[in-house]
Amino acid sequence: MSANEGCWPTELRLTDEGRLLTVSFEDGQSFDLAAEYLRVMSPSAEVQGHSEKDRKTVGGKRKVTIRAIDPVGTYAVRLSFDDFHSTGIFTWVYLYELGEQHARKWPAYLAELDKKGLDRDRPGEK
């Protein structure tokens, strides 16, 4: 089952002083998602833009933490990060996707950083 088929989270747990969000789903899947990963993959227009061409590669977020998790209806949460980013609404479907596709998305992000001359420790957006 995937989140697209109606899978709902059973638990969201913030640990490691806000550096790790564990999301467990009713299908038995559980994903440990680093704050850095969530921040750079934020579904916000600020990061994703309004088209693929507008999407930004965000560097310098290795030490970012999550300050708050706020529910948005019954379908999502808003994550507030310590760098004051809080405009992304993370739906259950998107959180499931981030967990399920981490092995593909994270290396692609690292390759993008390298290609654009950015890194995980120096801020920058391109």
N, C-alpha and C. Protein backbone atom coordinates (compact mmCIF):
# COMPACT_ATOMS: atom_id res chain seq x y z
N MET A 1 0.85 -1.19 0.00
CA MET A 1 0.00 0.00 0.00
C MET A 1 0.89 1.24 0.00
N SER A 2 0.45 2.26 -0.67
CA SER A 2 1.17 3.53 -0.64
C SER A 2 0.25 4.60 -0.07
N ALA A 3 0.83 5.73 0.23
CA ALA A 3 0.04 6.83 0.78
C ALA A 3 -1.05 7.26 -0.21
N ASN A 4 -0.80 7.07 -1.49
CA ASN A 4 -1.81 7.40 -2.49
C ASN A 4 -3.04 6.52 -2.37
N GLU A 5 -2.91 5.37 -1.75
CA GLU A 5 -4.02 4.43 -1.60
C GLU A 5 -4.69 4.60 -0.24
N GLY A 6 -4.49 5.72 0.39
CA GLY A 6 -5.19 6.00 1.63
C GLY A 6 -4.43 5.63 2.89
N CYS A 7 -3.14 5.46 2.77
CA CYS A 7 -2.34 5.13 3.96
C CYS A 7 -2.19 6.39 4.82
N TRP A 8 -2.48 6.25 6.10
CA TRP A 8 -2.41 7.37 7.02
C TRP A 8 -1.29 7.18 8.02
N PRO A 9 -0.71 8.27 8.49
CA PRO A 9 0.34 8.14 9.51
C PRO A 9 -0.26 7.71 10.84
N THR A 10 0.48 6.91 11.55
CA THR A 10 0.06 6.49 12.89
C THR A 10 0.86 7.21 13.95
N GLU A 11 2.03 7.74 13.56
CA GLU A 11 2.87 8.45 14.52
C GLU A 11 3.83 9.38 13.80
N LEU A 12 4.02 10.56 14.37
CA LEU A 12 5.08 11.48 13.96
C LEU A 12 5.87 11.75 15.23
N ARG A 13 7.16 11.48 15.19
CA ARG A 13 7.99 11.66 16.38
C ARG A 13 9.24 12.45 16.00
N LEU A 14 9.45 13.55 16.69
CA LEU A 14 10.62 14.40 16.48
C LEU A 14 11.66 14.04 17.53
N THR A 15 12.87 13.69 17.09
CA THR A 15 13.95 13.30 18.00
C THR A 15 15.25 13.99 17.61
N ASP A 16 16.29 13.67 18.33
CA ASP A 16 17.64 14.20 18.09
C ASP A 16 17.61 15.73 18.04
N GLU A 17 16.93 16.31 19.04
CA GLU A 17 16.85 17.77 19.16
C GLU A 17 16.31 18.44 17.90
N GLY A 18 15.34 17.80 17.25
CA GLY A 18 14.72 18.37 16.07
C GLY A 18 15.41 18.05 14.77
N ARG A 19 16.40 17.18 14.80
CA ARG A 19 17.14 16.84 13.58
C ARG A 19 16.54 15.65 12.83
N LEU A 20 15.61 14.91 13.47
CA LEU A 20 15.07 13.71 12.85
C LEU A 20 13.57 13.61 13.11
N LEU A 21 12.82 13.40 12.03
CA LEU A 21 11.38 13.17 12.13
C LEU A 21 11.12 11.74 11.69
N THR A 22 10.56 10.95 12.59
CA THR A 22 10.16 9.59 12.26
C THR A 22 8.67 9.61 11.97
N VAL A 23 8.30 9.10 10.80
CA VAL A 23 6.90 9.03 10.42
C VAL A 23 6.56 7.56 10.19
N SER A 24 5.59 7.06 10.96
CA SER A 24 5.11 5.69 10.82
C SER A 24 3.73 5.72 10.19
N PHE A 25 3.48 4.77 9.29
CA PHE A 25 2.20 4.70 8.58
C PHE A 25 1.47 3.42 8.92
N GLU A 26 0.17 3.45 8.70
CA GLU A 26 -0.65 2.31 9.08
C GLU A 26 -0.37 1.05 8.26
N ASP A 27 0.34 1.17 7.14
CA ASP A 27 0.70 -0.03 6.37
C ASP A 27 1.95 -0.71 6.93
N GLY A 28 2.49 -0.16 8.04
CA GLY A 28 3.67 -0.75 8.67
C GLY A 28 4.97 -0.08 8.29
N GLN A 29 4.95 0.76 7.26
CA GLN A 29 6.17 1.47 6.86
C GLN A 29 6.49 2.55 7.89
N SER A 30 7.78 2.74 8.12
CA SER A 30 8.25 3.80 9.01
C SER A 30 9.50 4.39 8.39
N PHE A 31 9.56 5.71 8.37
CA PHE A 31 10.68 6.39 7.74
C PHE A 31 11.30 7.38 8.71
N ASP A 32 12.63 7.37 8.80
CA ASP A 32 13.38 8.36 9.57
C ASP A 32 13.86 9.42 8.57
N LEU A 33 13.30 10.60 8.67
CA LEU A 33 13.60 11.67 7.72
C LEU A 33 14.36 12.80 8.42
N ALA A 34 15.57 13.04 7.96
CA ALA A 34 16.40 14.09 8.54
C ALA A 34 15.79 15.46 8.25
N ALA A 35 15.93 16.36 9.20
CA ALA A 35 15.43 17.73 9.03
C ALA A 35 16.05 18.37 7.78
N GLU A 36 17.32 18.13 7.56
CA GLU A 36 17.98 18.69 6.37
C GLU A 36 17.29 18.22 5.09
N TYR A 37 17.01 16.94 5.00
CA TYR A 37 16.33 16.37 3.84
C TYR A 37 14.95 17.00 3.65
N LEU A 38 14.19 17.09 4.73
CA LEU A 38 12.87 17.69 4.66
C LEU A 38 12.94 19.16 4.24
N ARG A 39 13.93 19.87 4.76
CA ARG A 39 14.06 21.30 4.44
C ARG A 39 14.38 21.52 2.97
N VAL A 40 15.33 20.76 2.44
CA VAL A 40 15.73 20.98 1.05
C VAL A 40 14.71 20.41 0.06
N MET A 41 13.84 19.53 0.54
CA MET A 41 12.77 18.97 -0.30
C MET A 41 11.42 19.62 0.00
N SER A 42 11.43 20.72 0.70
CA SER A 42 10.18 21.39 1.08
C SER A 42 9.27 21.57 -0.12
N PRO A 43 7.98 21.27 0.04
CA PRO A 43 7.06 21.45 -1.07
C PRO A 43 6.64 22.91 -1.28
N SER A 44 7.26 23.84 -0.57
CA SER A 44 6.89 25.25 -0.68
C SER A 44 7.23 25.81 -2.06
N ALA A 45 6.49 26.84 -2.45
CA ALA A 45 6.78 27.52 -3.71
C ALA A 45 8.16 28.17 -3.65
N GLU A 46 8.60 28.56 -2.45
CA GLU A 46 9.93 29.16 -2.29
C GLU A 46 11.04 28.21 -2.76
N VAL A 47 10.86 26.93 -2.54
CA VAL A 47 11.86 25.93 -2.95
C VAL A 47 11.49 25.33 -4.31
N GLN A 48 10.25 24.88 -4.45
CA GLN A 48 9.84 24.16 -5.66
C GLN A 48 9.54 25.09 -6.83
N GLY A 49 9.29 26.36 -6.53
CA GLY A 49 8.92 27.29 -7.59
C GLY A 49 7.52 26.96 -8.10
N HIS A 50 7.17 27.56 -9.21
CA HIS A 50 5.86 27.30 -9.80
C HIS A 50 5.98 26.43 -11.03
N SER A 51 7.21 26.04 -11.35
CA SER A 51 7.48 25.10 -12.43
C SER A 51 8.85 24.48 -12.17
N GLU A 52 9.17 23.42 -12.88
CA GLU A 52 10.47 22.75 -12.71
C GLU A 52 11.62 23.73 -12.96
N LYS A 53 11.42 24.64 -13.91
CA LYS A 53 12.45 25.63 -14.25
C LYS A 53 12.74 26.56 -13.06
N ASP A 54 11.72 26.83 -12.26
CA ASP A 54 11.86 27.75 -11.12
C ASP A 54 12.39 27.09 -9.85
N ARG A 55 12.48 25.75 -9.85
CA ARG A 55 12.88 25.04 -8.63
C ARG A 55 14.29 25.45 -8.20
N LYS A 56 14.46 25.62 -6.89
CA LYS A 56 15.76 26.04 -6.35
C LYS A 56 16.45 24.86 -5.67
N THR A 57 17.76 24.84 -5.81
CA THR A 57 18.58 23.90 -5.07
C THR A 57 19.10 24.65 -3.86
N VAL A 58 18.72 24.19 -2.68
CA VAL A 58 19.05 24.89 -1.45
C VAL A 58 20.22 24.20 -0.77
N GLY A 59 21.29 24.94 -0.55
CA GLY A 59 22.45 24.40 0.15
C GLY A 59 22.55 24.95 1.56
N GLY A 60 23.52 24.47 2.31
CA GLY A 60 23.81 25.01 3.63
C GLY A 60 22.83 24.66 4.71
N LYS A 61 22.16 23.54 4.59
CA LYS A 61 21.12 23.19 5.58
C LYS A 61 21.48 21.96 6.42
N ARG A 62 22.74 21.56 6.43
CA ARG A 62 23.16 20.37 7.17
C ARG A 62 22.74 20.42 8.64
N LYS A 63 22.79 21.59 9.27
CA LYS A 63 22.52 21.69 10.71
C LYS A 63 21.12 22.20 11.05
N VAL A 64 20.26 22.32 10.05
CA VAL A 64 18.91 22.82 10.31
C VAL A 64 18.13 21.84 11.21
N THR A 65 17.24 22.40 12.01
CA THR A 65 16.38 21.57 12.86
C THR A 65 14.93 21.98 12.67
N ILE A 66 14.05 21.09 13.07
CA ILE A 66 12.62 21.36 13.02
C ILE A 66 12.22 21.92 14.38
N ARG A 67 11.60 23.09 14.40
CA ARG A 67 11.16 23.73 15.65
C ARG A 67 9.74 23.37 16.03
N ALA A 68 8.89 23.14 15.01
CA ALA A 68 7.48 22.87 15.31
C ALA A 68 6.85 22.05 14.19
N ILE A 69 5.84 21.27 14.59
CA ILE A 69 5.02 20.51 13.66
C ILE A 69 3.58 20.91 13.94
N ASP A 70 2.92 21.50 12.95
CA ASP A 70 1.55 21.95 13.14
C ASP A 70 0.64 21.24 12.14
N PRO A 71 -0.49 20.70 12.62
CA PRO A 71 -1.41 20.03 11.71
C PRO A 71 -2.05 21.02 10.74
N VAL A 72 -2.29 20.53 9.53
CA VAL A 72 -3.01 21.29 8.51
C VAL A 72 -4.18 20.39 8.10
N GLY A 73 -5.35 20.69 8.62
CA GLY A 73 -6.50 19.83 8.38
C GLY A 73 -6.21 18.42 8.84
N THR A 74 -6.67 17.45 8.07
CA THR A 74 -6.41 16.04 8.39
C THR A 74 -5.47 15.40 7.38
N TYR A 75 -4.90 16.21 6.49
CA TYR A 75 -4.14 15.66 5.38
C TYR A 75 -2.65 16.00 5.39
N ALA A 76 -2.18 16.84 6.32
CA ALA A 76 -0.81 17.33 6.22
C ALA A 76 -0.34 17.96 7.52
N VAL A 77 0.96 18.31 7.52
CA VAL A 77 1.54 19.10 8.60
C VAL A 77 2.40 20.20 7.99
N ARG A 78 2.51 21.28 8.73
CA ARG A 78 3.43 22.36 8.37
C ARG A 78 4.63 22.21 9.30
N LEU A 79 5.80 22.11 8.72
CA LEU A 79 7.03 22.02 9.50
C LEU A 79 7.67 23.40 9.56
N SER A 80 8.03 23.82 10.75
CA SER A 80 8.75 25.09 10.93
C SER A 80 10.18 24.76 11.31
N PHE A 81 11.10 25.30 10.54
CA PHE A 81 12.53 25.03 10.72
C PHE A 81 13.20 26.19 11.45
N ASP A 82 14.35 25.93 12.04
CA ASP A 82 15.04 26.98 12.80
C ASP A 82 15.67 28.05 11.91
N ASP A 83 15.64 27.88 10.59
CA ASP A 83 16.11 28.95 9.69
C ASP A 83 14.94 29.83 9.25
N PHE A 84 13.81 29.68 9.96
CA PHE A 84 12.59 30.46 9.77
C PHE A 84 11.78 30.07 8.53
N HIS A 85 12.14 28.99 7.87
CA HIS A 85 11.33 28.48 6.77
C HIS A 85 10.14 27.73 7.36
N SER A 86 8.94 28.11 6.95
CA SER A 86 7.75 27.43 7.48
C SER A 86 6.59 27.46 6.49
N THR A 87 6.88 27.60 5.22
CA THR A 87 5.80 27.74 4.25
C THR A 87 5.44 26.43 3.54
N GLY A 88 6.18 25.37 3.79
CA GLY A 88 5.89 24.10 3.13
C GLY A 88 4.84 23.30 3.87
N ILE A 89 3.84 22.83 3.14
CA ILE A 89 2.83 21.95 3.72
C ILE A 89 3.14 20.53 3.24
N PHE A 90 3.51 19.69 4.18
CA PHE A 90 3.91 18.32 3.88
C PHE A 90 2.69 17.40 4.03
N THR A 91 2.13 16.99 2.91
CA THR A 91 0.98 16.08 2.95
C THR A 91 1.47 14.69 3.36
N TRP A 92 0.53 13.85 3.80
CA TRP A 92 0.89 12.47 4.15
C TRP A 92 1.47 11.77 2.93
N VAL A 93 0.87 12.02 1.77
CA VAL A 93 1.35 11.41 0.52
C VAL A 93 2.80 11.82 0.26
N TYR A 94 3.10 13.11 0.42
CA TYR A 94 4.45 13.60 0.15
C TYR A 94 5.46 13.05 1.16
N LEU A 95 5.09 12.98 2.44
CA LEU A 95 6.00 12.41 3.44
C LEU A 95 6.29 10.95 3.14
N TYR A 96 5.27 10.21 2.73
CA TYR A 96 5.45 8.81 2.37
C TYR A 96 6.40 8.71 1.17
N GLU A 97 6.16 9.55 0.17
CA GLU A 97 7.01 9.57 -1.03
C GLU A 97 8.47 9.89 -0.66
N LEU A 98 8.67 10.88 0.20
CA LEU A 98 10.04 11.24 0.61
C LEU A 98 10.73 10.06 1.29
N GLY A 99 9.99 9.31 2.11
CA GLY A 99 10.58 8.15 2.75
C GLY A 99 10.85 7.03 1.78
N GLU A 100 9.85 6.71 0.98
CA GLU A 100 9.96 5.60 0.04
C GLU A 100 11.01 5.85 -1.04
N GLN A 101 11.21 7.10 -1.43
CA GLN A 101 12.14 7.42 -2.53
C GLN A 101 13.43 8.08 -2.06
N HIS A 102 13.72 7.99 -0.77
CA HIS A 102 14.93 8.62 -0.22
C HIS A 102 16.19 8.16 -0.95
N ALA A 103 16.29 6.87 -1.24
CA ALA A 103 17.49 6.32 -1.88
C ALA A 103 17.73 6.91 -3.27
N ARG A 104 16.72 7.46 -3.89
CA ARG A 104 16.87 8.10 -5.19
C ARG A 104 16.98 9.61 -5.06
N LYS A 105 16.14 10.20 -4.22
CA LYS A 105 16.08 11.65 -4.10
C LYS A 105 17.32 12.26 -3.45
N TRP A 106 17.84 11.65 -2.39
CA TRP A 106 18.98 12.23 -1.68
C TRP A 106 20.23 12.28 -2.55
N PRO A 107 20.64 11.18 -3.21
CA PRO A 107 21.82 11.27 -4.09
C PRO A 107 21.62 12.27 -5.24
N ALA A 108 20.39 12.37 -5.75
CA ALA A 108 20.13 13.34 -6.82
C ALA A 108 20.32 14.76 -6.30
N TYR A 109 19.87 15.02 -5.07
CA TYR A 109 20.07 16.34 -4.46
C TYR A 109 21.56 16.63 -4.29
N LEU A 110 22.32 15.66 -3.78
CA LEU A 110 23.76 15.86 -3.58
C LEU A 110 24.45 16.14 -4.92
N ALA A 111 24.04 15.44 -5.97
CA ALA A 111 24.62 15.67 -7.30
C ALA A 111 24.28 17.07 -7.80
N GLU A 112 23.06 17.53 -7.53
CA GLU A 112 22.64 18.89 -7.92
C GLU A 112 23.49 19.94 -7.21
N LEU A 113 23.72 19.72 -5.91
CA LEU A 113 24.57 20.65 -5.15
C LEU A 113 25.93 20.77 -5.81
N ASP A 114 26.52 19.62 -6.10
CA ASP A 114 27.86 19.58 -6.69
C ASP A 114 27.87 20.28 -8.05
N LYS A 115 26.88 19.98 -8.87
CA LYS A 115 26.81 20.57 -10.20
C LYS A 115 26.70 22.09 -10.15
N LYS A 116 26.03 22.60 -9.12
CA LYS A 116 25.81 24.04 -9.01
C LYS A 116 26.84 24.74 -8.12
N GLY A 117 27.86 24.00 -7.68
CA GLY A 117 28.91 24.61 -6.86
C GLY A 117 28.45 24.95 -5.46
N LEU A 118 27.42 24.24 -4.96
CA LEU A 118 26.91 24.47 -3.62
C LEU A 118 27.33 23.29 -2.74
N ASP A 119 27.14 23.45 -1.43
CA ASP A 119 27.37 22.31 -0.55
C ASP A 119 26.43 22.36 0.65
N ARG A 120 26.49 21.33 1.47
CA ARG A 120 25.56 21.19 2.58
C ARG A 120 25.85 22.16 3.72
N ASP A 121 27.02 22.78 3.75
CA ASP A 121 27.40 23.65 4.85
C ASP A 121 27.34 25.13 4.54
N ARG A 122 27.39 25.50 3.27
CA ARG A 122 27.35 26.91 2.89
C ARG A 122 25.98 27.25 2.31
N PRO A 123 25.34 28.28 2.87
CA PRO A 123 24.04 28.67 2.33
C PRO A 123 24.14 29.09 0.87
N GLY A 124 23.09 28.85 0.18
CA GLY A 124 23.02 29.27 -1.21
C GLY A 124 21.82 28.65 -1.87
N GLU A 125 21.30 29.34 -2.85
CA GLU A 125 20.17 28.85 -3.63
C GLU A 125 20.45 29.19 -5.07
N LYS A 126 20.25 28.20 -5.91
CA LYS A 126 20.42 28.45 -7.36
C LYS A 126 19.34 27.72 -8.12
